[in-house]
């Protein structure tokens, strides 16, 4: 047989390519080993694993992504400890550490879903182990009569409120309405009709508890909401983060007359609200956020009768809730409410007010931290339930954060953590029963940074929104990377753009992919509009686009136009440049 002669230069090239492939493989393997063993906090860049593609993924890109995911999952499977394997085998048979209700918070002051979406969501919540929903209506409730203008122009109808309750009942989900009655009252106090009821005239957050119109307004709101929910057992009056208190002339005069401090003013107001509900609806249990109680002595709370009037919801959304919810706090609460304490975790909307993707690993740690608290204090306190909050805005005026449909994976995993038999058992990958419920193609590692491509291969109603946010994140990373290049920083500053004064070769190099970015942002907007259609109304869709894609689009367009002005020039003026040069 004739021997094929390979040129020496080709041999060298092949050796170099093979060596590089081996090095890359070992780097990836080492990273994955560290990920699965928990030695490092993973910070792989999403754009390194899933590079930007302008419109569609090539077969080569798809194959590369699938290969990388397979390698990550294989290493995770090989490295899982016996506890994780035990979780998979026994999660159905073991008794969960937390025995209380699991209530999913629906924050309707931003991105209220259509009724059609509830028809999908509620059966899913039941499958995932939820026992109820906390519906924070704010201005989405259809108030009537003298207070009808409190409602948003796109609020739900009374018929839709009835339908939400019917769908919840069909899926064995308890409905708990929430209406704010002190702080976070912007949706009312922003209006001209109610601005004189603000505690501080320039700040519409907190209402004045001493104004003669305050209680009649609250009583009317409470009555309308409670009457629209005739079968409820629990009702939430909010009352958290009352940042302005005891500052107006009415409150100062009242405090002086009674020789009160601000805390007595707070206790007096919530006691009046709770007493009204108890007298008119004696079978209702009243919940309220606990944060304003934390600096008040147990005896003062008991003296106001609030130990019998309300049940506190202790909330903390950090990765280590035990560090700030001290033993003294639990000692005090055990004295006041030993059999009626609720907790509040977060599955989204608690990491940044403008974040459009959910950091799942953060919320896993939050829930595991709460399991630690429950394990430590359950011999002294009965934890009745957990409210898994999913904030859609930080307050009435803030922008939209992570959308509910794209946060379904985080919600599913958060519910699974709360149903764990041990706070140390939860595995580093997506448990098989959640994989089945969300119709995911493969196991997914939970300790890699979000957003990640694997979730787009699941079939939950929201995966298309997740895919669009992944593209937006990747594009944002690409643009940030472009702006950090020396050629960009040195030849495309605002000064260069303003005067169209720069080196064409450097400009061409710095923005070589700007055309791709320009088309990609258009694709993302169209993809997001399609994904959100049927889940949200056009108002919400437009707001999301204006908040999260329009600014990037405007930035790219401005840069494109400036680049064109620079490149069309073939001569430049002598220095100094005139100030009015465009």
Protein backbone atom coordinates (compact mmCIF):
# COMPACT_ATOMS: atom_id res chain seq x y z
CA UNK A 1 0.00 0.00 0.00
CA UNK A 2 1.34 3.43 -0.88
CA UNK A 3 2.17 5.64 2.10
CA UNK A 4 0.48 9.03 2.11
CA UNK A 5 2.96 11.81 2.73
CA UNK A 6 1.72 14.63 4.99
CA UNK A 7 3.52 17.95 4.56
CA UNK A 8 5.51 18.96 7.65
CA UNK A 9 3.65 22.28 8.07
CA UNK A 10 0.27 20.50 8.03
CA UNK A 11 1.48 18.08 10.68
CA UNK A 12 2.46 20.96 12.93
CA UNK A 13 -0.95 22.60 12.45
CA UNK A 14 -2.76 19.36 13.30
CA UNK A 15 -0.65 18.88 16.44
CA UNK A 16 -1.42 22.45 17.58
CA UNK A 17 -5.16 22.00 16.99
CA UNK A 18 -5.19 18.69 18.86
CA UNK A 19 -3.26 20.22 21.79
CA UNK A 20 -5.69 23.15 22.01
CA UNK A 21 -8.67 20.78 22.03
CA UNK A 22 -7.14 18.77 24.87
CA UNK A 23 -6.44 21.95 26.88
CA UNK A 24 -10.01 23.23 26.37
CA UNK A 25 -11.43 19.87 27.38
CA UNK A 26 -9.44 19.77 30.61
CA UNK A 27 -10.34 23.38 31.45
CA UNK A 28 -14.03 22.59 31.05
CA UNK A 29 -13.69 19.35 32.98
CA UNK A 30 -11.93 21.06 35.89
CA UNK A 31 -14.52 23.83 35.99
CA UNK A 32 -17.36 21.32 36.02
CA UNK A 33 -15.64 19.21 38.71
CA UNK A 34 -15.39 22.27 40.92
CA UNK A 35 -19.00 23.22 40.15
CA UNK A 36 -20.44 19.87 41.09
CA UNK A 37 -18.27 19.41 44.16
CA UNK A 38 -19.27 22.80 45.50
CA UNK A 39 -15.65 24.02 45.79
CA UNK A 40 -16.24 27.23 43.87
CA UNK A 41 -19.02 29.69 43.26
CA UNK A 42 -19.61 29.26 39.54
CA UNK A 43 -19.23 32.34 37.40
CA UNK A 44 -19.00 30.96 33.88
CA UNK A 45 -20.00 33.65 31.43
CA UNK A 46 -23.19 32.83 29.60
CA UNK A 47 -21.88 34.33 26.37
CA UNK A 48 -18.87 32.01 26.51
CA UNK A 49 -21.13 28.97 26.50
CA UNK A 50 -23.92 30.36 24.34
CA UNK A 51 -22.46 32.88 21.89
CA UNK A 52 -24.72 35.44 20.24
CA UNK A 53 -26.37 34.39 17.00
CA UNK A 54 -27.98 37.18 14.98
CA UNK A 55 -31.17 35.37 13.96
CA UNK A 56 -30.99 31.58 14.07
CA UNK A 57 -28.57 29.12 15.57
CA UNK A 58 -26.43 27.20 13.12
CA UNK A 59 -26.26 23.43 13.36
CA UNK A 60 -22.68 23.82 14.58
CA UNK A 61 -23.74 26.19 17.40
CA UNK A 62 -26.56 23.90 18.50
CA UNK A 63 -24.27 20.88 18.52
CA UNK A 64 -21.68 22.79 20.57
CA UNK A 65 -24.23 23.87 23.14
CA UNK A 66 -25.67 20.39 23.48
CA UNK A 67 -22.18 18.93 23.89
CA UNK A 68 -21.26 21.43 26.62
CA UNK A 69 -24.51 20.86 28.48
CA UNK A 70 -24.05 17.10 28.27
CA UNK A 71 -20.54 17.41 29.70
CA UNK A 72 -21.72 19.63 32.56
CA UNK A 73 -24.60 17.32 33.46
CA UNK A 74 -22.48 14.19 33.23
CA UNK A 75 -19.92 15.66 35.61
CA UNK A 76 -22.67 16.81 37.98
CA UNK A 77 -24.20 13.34 38.00
CA UNK A 78 -20.83 11.76 38.69
CA UNK A 79 -20.10 14.13 41.56
CA UNK A 80 -23.42 14.21 43.41
CA UNK A 81 -23.23 13.03 46.98
CA UNK A 82 -25.28 10.32 48.59
CA UNK A 83 -27.66 12.84 50.15
CA UNK A 84 -28.62 14.16 46.72
CA UNK A 85 -29.24 10.64 45.46
CA UNK A 86 -31.28 9.96 48.58
CA UNK A 87 -33.40 13.03 47.80
CA UNK A 88 -34.20 11.67 44.34
CA UNK A 89 -35.16 8.24 45.68
CA UNK A 90 -37.17 9.30 48.68
CA UNK A 91 -38.59 12.80 48.17
CA UNK A 92 -42.13 11.42 47.89
CA UNK A 93 -41.86 9.14 50.90
CA UNK A 94 -40.04 11.38 53.38
CA UNK A 95 -41.88 13.80 55.63
CA UNK A 96 -41.03 17.41 54.70
CA UNK A 97 -39.26 19.49 57.31
CA UNK A 98 -41.79 22.29 56.73
CA UNK A 99 -45.40 21.21 57.26
CA UNK A 100 -47.21 24.51 56.68
CA UNK A 101 -49.13 25.93 53.76
CA UNK A 102 -47.25 26.99 50.64
CA UNK A 103 -48.84 30.13 49.23
CA UNK A 104 -47.61 31.62 45.94
CA UNK A 105 -47.67 35.42 45.75
CA UNK A 106 -49.12 37.04 42.62
CA UNK A 107 -48.02 40.67 42.51
CA UNK A 108 -50.56 42.34 40.23
CA UNK A 109 -49.22 45.87 40.50
CA UNK A 110 -47.04 44.97 37.55
CA UNK A 111 -47.67 42.69 34.57
CA UNK A 112 -51.06 41.23 35.61
CA UNK A 113 -51.57 37.98 33.67
CA UNK A 114 -54.59 37.37 31.50
CA UNK A 115 -57.27 35.00 32.79
CA UNK A 116 -56.19 32.60 30.06
CA UNK A 117 -52.78 32.26 31.70
CA UNK A 118 -54.32 31.41 35.09
CA UNK A 119 -55.95 28.39 33.40
CA UNK A 120 -52.44 27.07 32.81
CA UNK A 121 -50.79 28.42 35.97
CA UNK A 122 -53.12 27.10 38.68
CA UNK A 123 -52.97 23.41 37.67
CA UNK A 124 -49.20 23.78 37.46
CA UNK A 125 -49.03 25.26 40.98
CA UNK A 126 -51.04 22.33 42.29
CA UNK A 127 -48.66 19.84 40.67
CA UNK A 128 -45.69 21.67 42.16
CA UNK A 129 -47.10 21.42 45.69
CA UNK A 130 -48.58 24.90 46.27
CA UNK A 131 -51.65 25.10 48.48
CA UNK A 132 -52.79 28.64 47.79
CA UNK A 133 -52.24 32.03 46.16
CA UNK A 134 -51.70 35.44 47.75
CA UNK A 135 -53.29 37.93 45.36
CA UNK A 136 -51.88 41.44 45.80
CA UNK A 137 -54.40 43.39 43.76
CA UNK A 138 -53.31 46.99 44.34
CA UNK A 139 -54.98 48.96 41.49
CA UNK A 140 -56.01 45.85 39.51
CA UNK A 141 -59.11 45.37 41.66
CA UNK A 142 -62.28 46.88 40.11
CA UNK A 143 -63.29 49.30 42.86
CA UNK A 144 -66.70 50.93 42.44
CA UNK A 145 -68.62 53.99 43.63
CA UNK A 146 -66.74 56.91 45.16
CA UNK A 147 -63.42 55.09 44.97
CA UNK A 148 -63.68 53.70 41.42
CA UNK A 149 -60.84 55.93 40.18
CA UNK A 150 -58.36 54.06 42.38
CA UNK A 151 -58.48 51.21 39.87
CA UNK A 152 -56.16 51.09 36.88
CA UNK A 153 -57.75 51.62 33.48
CA UNK A 154 -56.90 48.00 32.60
CA UNK A 155 -58.00 46.47 35.91
CA UNK A 156 -59.73 43.11 36.11
CA UNK A 157 -63.50 43.01 35.87
CA UNK A 158 -65.67 41.60 38.66
CA UNK A 159 -66.41 38.64 36.42
CA UNK A 160 -62.66 37.99 36.07
CA UNK A 161 -62.23 38.15 39.86
CA UNK A 162 -64.91 35.46 40.16
CA UNK A 163 -63.19 33.38 37.47
CA UNK A 164 -59.82 33.58 39.24
CA UNK A 165 -61.44 32.25 42.41
CA UNK A 166 -63.23 29.47 40.51
CA UNK A 167 -60.01 28.37 38.84
CA UNK A 168 -58.23 28.39 42.21
CA UNK A 169 -60.97 26.33 43.83
CA UNK A 170 -60.88 23.81 40.97
CA UNK A 171 -57.19 23.30 41.75
CA UNK A 172 -57.52 23.20 45.56
CA UNK A 173 -55.73 26.53 45.96
CA UNK A 174 -56.76 28.84 48.78
CA UNK A 175 -57.14 32.49 47.76
CA UNK A 176 -55.76 35.14 50.15
CA UNK A 177 -56.36 38.73 48.97
CA UNK A 178 -53.88 41.45 49.97
CA UNK A 179 -54.66 45.16 50.15
CA UNK A 180 -52.13 47.61 51.57
CA UNK A 181 -53.48 49.74 54.44
CA UNK A 182 -50.53 51.94 55.52
CA UNK A 183 -47.27 51.97 53.57
CA UNK A 184 -46.90 51.21 49.86
CA UNK A 185 -50.08 53.19 49.29
CA UNK A 186 -48.79 54.96 46.17
CA UNK A 187 -51.52 53.59 43.94
CA UNK A 188 -54.00 55.73 45.89
CA UNK A 189 -51.94 58.63 47.17
CA UNK A 190 -50.51 59.44 43.71
CA UNK A 191 -53.96 60.71 42.71
CA UNK A 192 -54.93 64.36 43.12
CA UNK A 193 -58.10 63.39 44.98
CA UNK A 194 -56.13 61.74 47.79
CA UNK A 195 -52.87 63.70 47.93
CA UNK A 196 -53.87 65.55 51.11
CA UNK A 197 -53.94 62.17 52.92
CA UNK A 198 -50.17 61.69 52.55
CA UNK A 199 -48.08 61.63 55.70
CA UNK A 200 -45.48 63.76 53.89
CA UNK A 201 -47.00 65.95 51.20
CA UNK A 202 -44.24 65.37 48.66
CA UNK A 203 -44.04 61.58 49.17
CA UNK A 204 -47.03 59.43 48.15
CA UNK A 205 -45.83 56.23 49.88
CA UNK A 206 -47.51 56.30 53.31
CA UNK A 207 -50.94 57.57 54.26
CA UNK A 208 -51.56 59.68 57.32
CA UNK A 209 -53.18 57.59 60.08
CA UNK A 210 -54.54 60.74 61.74
CA UNK A 211 -56.39 62.20 58.74
CA UNK A 212 -60.17 62.09 59.19
CA UNK A 213 -60.66 60.58 55.70
CA UNK A 214 -58.15 57.73 56.13
CA UNK A 215 -60.21 55.12 57.97
CA UNK A 216 -63.42 55.65 55.94
CA UNK A 217 -61.40 55.18 52.75
CA UNK A 218 -59.71 52.03 54.03
CA UNK A 219 -62.95 50.56 55.35
CA UNK A 220 -64.62 51.04 51.97
CA UNK A 221 -61.71 49.45 50.12
CA UNK A 222 -61.54 46.51 52.53
CA UNK A 223 -65.27 45.89 52.37
CA UNK A 224 -65.33 45.83 48.56
CA UNK A 225 -62.41 43.43 48.29
CA UNK A 226 -63.57 41.06 51.06
CA UNK A 227 -67.16 40.99 49.77
CA UNK A 228 -65.83 40.04 46.34
CA UNK A 229 -64.21 36.97 47.96
CA UNK A 230 -67.06 35.41 49.98
CA UNK A 231 -65.32 32.12 50.77
CA UNK A 232 -61.90 33.33 51.97
CA UNK A 233 -60.48 32.35 55.35
CA UNK A 234 -57.44 34.66 55.46
CA UNK A 235 -56.93 38.29 54.48
CA UNK A 236 -53.65 40.25 54.29
CA UNK A 237 -53.52 43.96 55.23
CA UNK A 238 -49.90 44.62 54.22
CA UNK A 239 -48.57 47.40 56.51
CA UNK A 240 -44.88 46.92 55.72
CA UNK A 241 -42.18 49.54 55.17
CA UNK A 242 -44.04 52.55 56.53
CA UNK A 243 -41.14 54.86 55.78
CA UNK A 244 -42.94 58.10 56.63
CA UNK A 245 -44.66 58.07 60.02
CA UNK A 246 -45.45 60.68 62.65
CA UNK A 247 -44.17 63.60 60.55
CA UNK A 248 -47.26 65.64 59.58
CA UNK A 249 -48.81 68.26 61.88
CA UNK A 250 -51.85 66.09 62.59
CA UNK A 251 -49.76 63.14 63.74
CA UNK A 252 -47.37 65.31 65.74
CA UNK A 253 -50.28 66.93 67.60
CA UNK A 254 -51.88 63.52 68.25
CA UNK A 255 -48.62 62.03 69.50
CA UNK A 256 -48.08 64.98 71.84
CA UNK A 257 -51.62 64.71 73.18
CA UNK A 258 -51.28 61.00 73.99
CA UNK A 259 -47.57 61.17 74.82
CA UNK A 260 -46.91 58.60 72.12
CA UNK A 261 -43.85 57.66 70.15
CA UNK A 262 -44.11 56.70 66.48
CA UNK A 263 -44.48 53.04 67.33
CA UNK A 264 -47.66 53.73 69.31
CA UNK A 265 -49.03 55.62 66.32
CA UNK A 266 -48.35 52.60 64.13
CA UNK A 267 -49.89 50.13 66.59
CA UNK A 268 -52.99 52.29 67.00
CA UNK A 269 -53.62 52.41 63.25
CA UNK A 270 -53.19 48.71 62.48
CA UNK A 271 -55.28 47.80 65.53
CA UNK A 272 -58.15 49.95 64.24
CA UNK A 273 -57.96 48.37 60.79
CA UNK A 274 -57.80 44.86 62.23
CA UNK A 275 -60.65 45.51 64.69
CA UNK A 276 -62.86 46.74 61.85
CA UNK A 277 -62.28 43.55 59.87
CA UNK A 278 -62.77 41.30 62.91
CA UNK A 279 -66.06 42.95 63.87
CA UNK A 280 -67.49 42.91 60.37
CA UNK A 281 -65.99 39.54 59.30
CA UNK A 282 -65.34 37.64 62.56
CA UNK A 283 -64.33 34.37 60.87
CA UNK A 284 -61.43 35.95 58.96
CA UNK A 285 -57.83 35.54 60.03
CA UNK A 286 -55.82 38.72 59.41
CA UNK A 287 -52.24 38.53 58.18
CA UNK A 288 -49.78 41.41 58.03
CA UNK A 289 -46.08 41.89 57.31
CA UNK A 290 -43.98 41.85 60.46
CA UNK A 291 -41.14 44.33 59.85
CA UNK A 292 -42.68 47.25 61.75
CA UNK A 293 -43.09 45.00 64.80
CA UNK A 294 -39.40 44.14 65.04
CA UNK A 295 -38.39 47.15 67.13
CA UNK A 296 -41.48 47.11 69.37
CA UNK A 297 -41.58 45.28 72.68
CA UNK A 298 -43.84 42.23 73.01
CA UNK A 299 -45.81 43.82 75.85
CA UNK A 300 -46.73 46.88 73.78
CA UNK A 301 -48.03 44.64 71.00
CA UNK A 302 -50.01 42.55 73.49
CA UNK A 303 -51.42 45.65 75.19
CA UNK A 304 -52.94 46.72 71.85
CA UNK A 305 -54.55 43.28 71.47
CA UNK A 306 -52.60 42.59 68.29
CA UNK A 307 -51.52 39.20 69.59
CA UNK A 308 -55.13 38.12 69.02
CA UNK A 309 -56.04 40.41 66.11
CA UNK A 310 -53.33 39.56 63.56
CA UNK A 311 -50.87 36.87 62.56
CA UNK A 312 -47.45 38.17 61.45
CA UNK A 313 -45.72 37.21 58.22
CA UNK A 314 -41.98 37.33 58.91
CA UNK A 315 -40.23 38.15 55.64
CA UNK A 316 -36.62 38.07 54.53
CA UNK A 317 -35.41 37.57 50.98
CA UNK A 318 -31.64 37.36 51.46
CA UNK A 319 -29.47 34.25 51.07
CA UNK A 320 -28.89 34.14 54.82
CA UNK A 321 -32.12 35.21 56.56
CA UNK A 322 -30.87 33.87 59.89
CA UNK A 323 -28.16 36.53 60.08
CA UNK A 324 -30.64 39.40 60.49
CA UNK A 325 -33.65 37.62 61.99
CA UNK A 326 -32.05 37.27 65.40
CA UNK A 327 -32.76 34.89 68.24
CA UNK A 328 -34.15 37.81 70.26
CA UNK A 329 -36.70 38.43 67.52
CA UNK A 330 -37.86 34.82 67.60
CA UNK A 331 -37.94 34.89 71.42
CA UNK A 332 -40.26 37.91 71.25
CA UNK A 333 -42.49 36.43 68.57
CA UNK A 334 -42.68 33.09 70.39
CA UNK A 335 -44.03 35.00 73.38
CA UNK A 336 -46.66 36.87 71.34
CA UNK A 337 -47.67 34.43 68.57
CA UNK A 338 -46.40 30.93 69.48
CA UNK A 339 -49.01 29.18 67.30
CA UNK A 340 -49.59 31.59 64.44
CA UNK A 341 -46.48 32.75 62.63
CA UNK A 342 -46.09 32.76 58.85
CA UNK A 343 -42.90 33.25 56.89
CA UNK A 344 -42.22 34.90 53.52
CA UNK A 345 -39.53 33.81 51.10
CA UNK A 346 -38.93 35.04 47.54
CA UNK A 347 -38.74 33.16 44.25
CA UNK A 348 -38.24 36.29 42.14
CA UNK A 349 -38.17 40.09 42.29
CA UNK A 350 -35.77 40.44 45.21
CA UNK A 351 -32.28 40.80 43.73
CA UNK A 352 -32.44 44.02 41.66
CA UNK A 353 -35.34 46.33 40.74
CA UNK A 354 -34.56 46.21 37.01
CA UNK A 355 -33.41 42.59 36.65
CA UNK A 356 -35.27 40.78 33.87
CA UNK A 357 -33.92 37.26 34.54
CA UNK A 358 -34.13 35.27 37.77
CA UNK A 359 -31.07 34.17 39.73
CA UNK A 360 -32.27 30.70 40.71
CA UNK A 361 -29.27 29.80 42.88
CA UNK A 362 -29.88 32.93 44.99
CA UNK A 363 -33.47 31.92 45.71
CA UNK A 364 -32.48 28.34 46.50
CA UNK A 365 -30.19 29.70 49.23
CA UNK A 366 -33.00 31.93 50.53
CA UNK A 367 -35.33 28.95 50.92
CA UNK A 368 -32.64 26.72 52.41
CA UNK A 369 -31.91 29.48 54.92
CA UNK A 370 -35.55 29.53 55.93
CA UNK A 371 -35.56 25.76 56.40
CA UNK A 372 -32.68 26.28 58.81
CA UNK A 373 -34.76 28.77 60.80
CA UNK A 374 -37.74 26.41 60.85
CA UNK A 375 -35.57 23.51 62.03
CA UNK A 376 -34.11 25.66 64.79
CA UNK A 377 -37.32 27.19 66.19
CA UNK A 378 -40.15 24.79 65.30
CA UNK A 379 -40.08 23.27 68.81
CA UNK A 380 -41.22 26.68 70.15
CA UNK A 381 -43.17 28.18 67.24
CA UNK A 382 -45.82 26.79 64.93
CA UNK A 383 -45.03 28.01 61.41
CA UNK A 384 -48.46 28.00 59.78
CA UNK A 385 -47.41 28.73 56.24
CA UNK A 386 -44.92 30.20 53.81
CA UNK A 387 -45.71 32.96 51.34
CA UNK A 388 -43.41 32.58 48.33
CA UNK A 389 -43.29 36.17 47.14
CA UNK A 390 -42.75 37.02 43.50
CA UNK A 391 -42.44 40.78 43.29
CA UNK A 392 -43.20 42.30 39.89
CA UNK A 393 -42.18 45.80 40.94
CA UNK A 394 -40.36 47.03 44.01
CA UNK A 395 -43.14 49.59 44.45
CA UNK A 396 -45.88 51.20 42.37
CA UNK A 397 -43.46 53.57 40.60
CA UNK A 398 -40.54 51.22 39.91
CA UNK A 399 -39.94 49.40 36.63
CA UNK A 400 -40.88 45.82 35.85
CA UNK A 401 -38.48 43.16 37.07
CA UNK A 402 -38.52 39.43 36.22
CA UNK A 403 -41.76 38.35 34.59
CA UNK A 404 -43.72 35.54 36.25
CA UNK A 405 -43.77 33.12 33.26
CA UNK A 406 -39.98 33.16 32.82
CA UNK A 407 -39.57 32.67 36.59
CA UNK A 408 -41.55 29.42 36.67
CA UNK A 409 -38.33 27.33 37.02
CA UNK A 410 -37.33 29.35 40.10
CA UNK A 411 -40.82 28.98 41.58
CA UNK A 412 -40.85 25.23 40.94
CA UNK A 413 -37.45 24.75 42.57
CA UNK A 414 -38.33 27.03 45.51
CA UNK A 415 -41.45 24.99 46.22
CA UNK A 416 -39.39 21.80 45.98
CA UNK A 417 -36.86 23.11 48.51
CA UNK A 418 -39.68 23.89 50.97
CA UNK A 419 -40.91 20.30 50.58
CA UNK A 420 -37.49 18.79 51.31
CA UNK A 421 -37.18 16.43 54.30
CA UNK A 422 -33.83 18.00 55.18
CA UNK A 423 -32.31 21.39 54.41
CA UNK A 424 -29.07 19.70 53.30
CA UNK A 425 -30.60 17.18 50.90
CA UNK A 426 -31.51 19.32 47.89
CA UNK A 427 -29.49 18.21 44.84
CA UNK A 428 -27.30 20.43 42.62
CA UNK A 429 -29.37 19.55 39.57
CA UNK A 430 -33.04 19.75 38.62
CA UNK A 431 -34.93 16.99 40.46
CA UNK A 432 -36.53 14.49 38.10
CA UNK A 433 -40.11 15.21 39.21
CA UNK A 434 -39.73 18.92 38.38
CA UNK A 435 -38.05 17.98 35.09
CA UNK A 436 -41.15 15.95 34.24
CA UNK A 437 -43.63 18.62 35.33
CA UNK A 438 -41.87 21.34 33.29
CA UNK A 439 -41.27 18.95 30.38
CA UNK A 440 -37.53 19.57 30.23
CA UNK A 441 -35.46 17.62 27.71
CA UNK A 442 -32.63 16.88 30.12
CA UNK A 443 -31.41 17.42 33.66
CA UNK A 444 -30.28 20.98 34.39
CA UNK A 445 -27.47 22.05 36.71
CA UNK A 446 -28.73 24.52 39.34
CA UNK A 447 -25.42 26.06 40.38
CA UNK A 448 -24.51 27.67 37.08
CA UNK A 449 -25.24 31.34 36.38
CA UNK A 450 -28.58 32.42 34.95
CA UNK A 451 -29.92 32.81 32.40
CA UNK A 452 -28.91 29.51 30.87
CA UNK A 453 -29.80 27.88 27.56
CA UNK A 454 -31.07 24.62 29.08
CA UNK A 455 -34.33 26.17 30.35
CA UNK A 456 -35.32 27.11 26.79
CA UNK A 457 -35.52 23.37 26.08
CA UNK A 458 -38.36 22.94 28.58
CA UNK A 459 -42.01 23.18 27.60
CA UNK A 460 -43.49 25.30 30.40
CA UNK A 461 -45.70 28.22 29.35
CA UNK A 462 -43.07 30.93 29.63
CA UNK A 463 -40.03 29.23 28.11
CA UNK A 464 -40.29 31.49 25.02
CA UNK A 465 -40.11 34.56 27.28
CA UNK A 466 -37.13 32.99 29.01
CA UNK A 467 -35.45 32.44 25.62
CA UNK A 468 -35.97 36.08 24.66
CA UNK A 469 -34.49 37.32 27.95
CA UNK A 470 -31.50 35.02 27.41
CA UNK A 471 -30.91 36.61 24.01
CA UNK A 472 -31.22 40.09 25.53
CA UNK A 473 -28.75 39.21 28.27
CA UNK A 474 -26.28 37.77 25.77
CA UNK A 475 -26.56 40.84 23.53
CA UNK A 476 -26.04 43.15 26.51
CA UNK A 477 -22.91 41.20 27.43
CA UNK A 478 -21.63 41.45 23.86
CA UNK A 479 -22.14 45.21 23.81
CA UNK A 480 -20.50 45.62 27.22
CA UNK A 481 -17.56 43.58 25.95
CA UNK A 482 -17.32 45.80 22.86
CA UNK A 483 -17.27 48.92 25.03
CA UNK A 484 -14.37 47.56 27.09
CA UNK A 485 -12.09 47.13 24.10
CA UNK A 486 -9.28 49.68 23.92
CA UNK A 487 -10.15 50.71 20.37
CA UNK A 488 -13.67 51.58 21.52
CA UNK A 489 -12.55 53.38 24.67
CA UNK A 490 -9.88 55.34 22.82
CA UNK A 491 -11.63 56.32 19.60
CA UNK A 492 -15.38 56.25 20.30
CA UNK A 493 -15.85 58.43 23.37
CA UNK A 494 -18.67 60.98 23.42
CA UNK A 495 -16.15 63.58 22.28
CA UNK A 496 -15.37 61.56 19.17
CA UNK A 497 -19.03 60.99 18.43
CA UNK A 498 -20.02 64.60 19.00
CA UNK A 499 -17.39 65.98 16.63
CA UNK A 500 -17.33 63.04 14.18
CA UNK A 501 -13.58 63.15 14.76
CA UNK A 502 -11.87 59.79 14.90
CA UNK A 503 -9.74 57.29 13.03
CA UNK A 504 -11.86 55.37 10.49
CA UNK A 505 -9.79 52.18 10.78
CA UNK A 506 -10.13 52.10 14.56
CA UNK A 507 -13.84 52.90 14.36
CA UNK A 508 -14.42 50.09 11.87
CA UNK A 509 -12.54 47.66 14.12
CA UNK A 510 -14.30 48.80 17.32
CA UNK A 511 -17.83 48.36 15.96
CA UNK A 512 -17.26 45.53 13.51
CA UNK A 513 -20.30 43.63 14.84
CA UNK A 514 -22.57 46.62 15.33
CA UNK A 515 -24.68 45.65 12.31
CA UNK A 516 -25.31 42.23 13.88
CA UNK A 517 -26.24 43.88 17.17
CA UNK A 518 -28.62 46.24 15.37
CA UNK A 519 -30.50 43.34 13.79
CA UNK A 520 -30.41 41.23 16.95
CA UNK A 521 -32.22 43.82 19.07
CA UNK A 522 -35.01 43.96 16.47
CA UNK A 523 -35.26 40.18 16.57
CA UNK A 524 -35.41 40.16 20.38
CA UNK A 525 -38.23 42.72 20.44
CA UNK A 526 -40.29 40.73 17.92
CA UNK A 527 -39.58 37.48 19.78
CA UNK A 528 -40.61 38.99 23.11
CA UNK A 529 -43.84 40.45 21.72
CA UNK A 530 -44.78 37.06 20.31
CA UNK A 531 -43.85 35.26 23.54
CA UNK A 532 -45.84 37.63 25.78
CA UNK A 533 -48.94 37.67 23.58
CA UNK A 534 -51.84 35.89 25.25
CA UNK A 535 -50.14 36.00 28.67
CA UNK A 536 -50.18 39.79 29.16
CA UNK A 537 -52.12 42.69 27.70
CA UNK A 538 -50.55 45.15 25.25
CA UNK A 539 -49.93 47.71 28.00
CA UNK A 540 -47.60 45.30 29.80
CA UNK A 541 -45.90 44.19 26.59
CA UNK A 542 -45.24 47.80 25.56
CA UNK A 543 -43.93 48.68 29.01
CA UNK A 544 -41.49 45.75 29.03
CA UNK A 545 -40.19 46.72 25.59
CA UNK A 546 -39.83 50.39 26.59
CA UNK A 547 -38.00 49.43 29.78
CA UNK A 548 -35.68 46.68 28.65
CA UNK A 549 -35.09 46.77 24.89
CA UNK A 550 -35.78 50.35 23.73
CA UNK A 551 -32.84 51.86 25.68
CA UNK A 552 -30.44 49.34 24.13
CA UNK A 553 -31.95 49.90 20.69
CA UNK A 554 -31.56 53.67 21.03
CA UNK A 555 -27.97 53.24 22.18
CA UNK A 556 -27.13 51.06 19.18
CA UNK A 557 -28.91 53.42 16.76
CA UNK A 558 -27.08 56.44 18.14
CA UNK A 559 -23.75 54.66 17.84
CA UNK A 560 -24.58 53.49 14.31
CA UNK A 561 -25.45 57.01 13.17
CA UNK A 562 -22.28 58.44 14.73
CA UNK A 563 -20.18 55.72 13.08
CA UNK A 564 -21.72 56.57 9.71
CA UNK A 565 -20.92 60.28 10.15
CA UNK A 566 -17.31 59.48 11.02
CA UNK A 567 -16.78 57.06 8.15
CA UNK A 568 -18.27 59.34 5.51
CA UNK A 569 -15.61 61.97 6.19
CA UNK A 570 -12.38 62.11 4.21
CA UNK A 571 -10.87 65.20 5.86
CA UNK A 572 -10.85 66.72 9.33
CA UNK A 573 -10.31 70.24 10.71
CA UNK A 574 -7.21 71.50 12.47
CA UNK A 575 -7.28 71.53 16.26
CA UNK A 576 -8.75 72.99 18.40
CA UNK A 577 -12.11 71.67 17.26
CA UNK A 578 -14.97 74.20 17.26
CA UNK A 579 -17.48 73.70 20.09
CA UNK A 580 -20.44 73.78 17.74
CA UNK A 581 -19.00 71.03 15.51
CA UNK A 582 -21.50 68.22 15.01
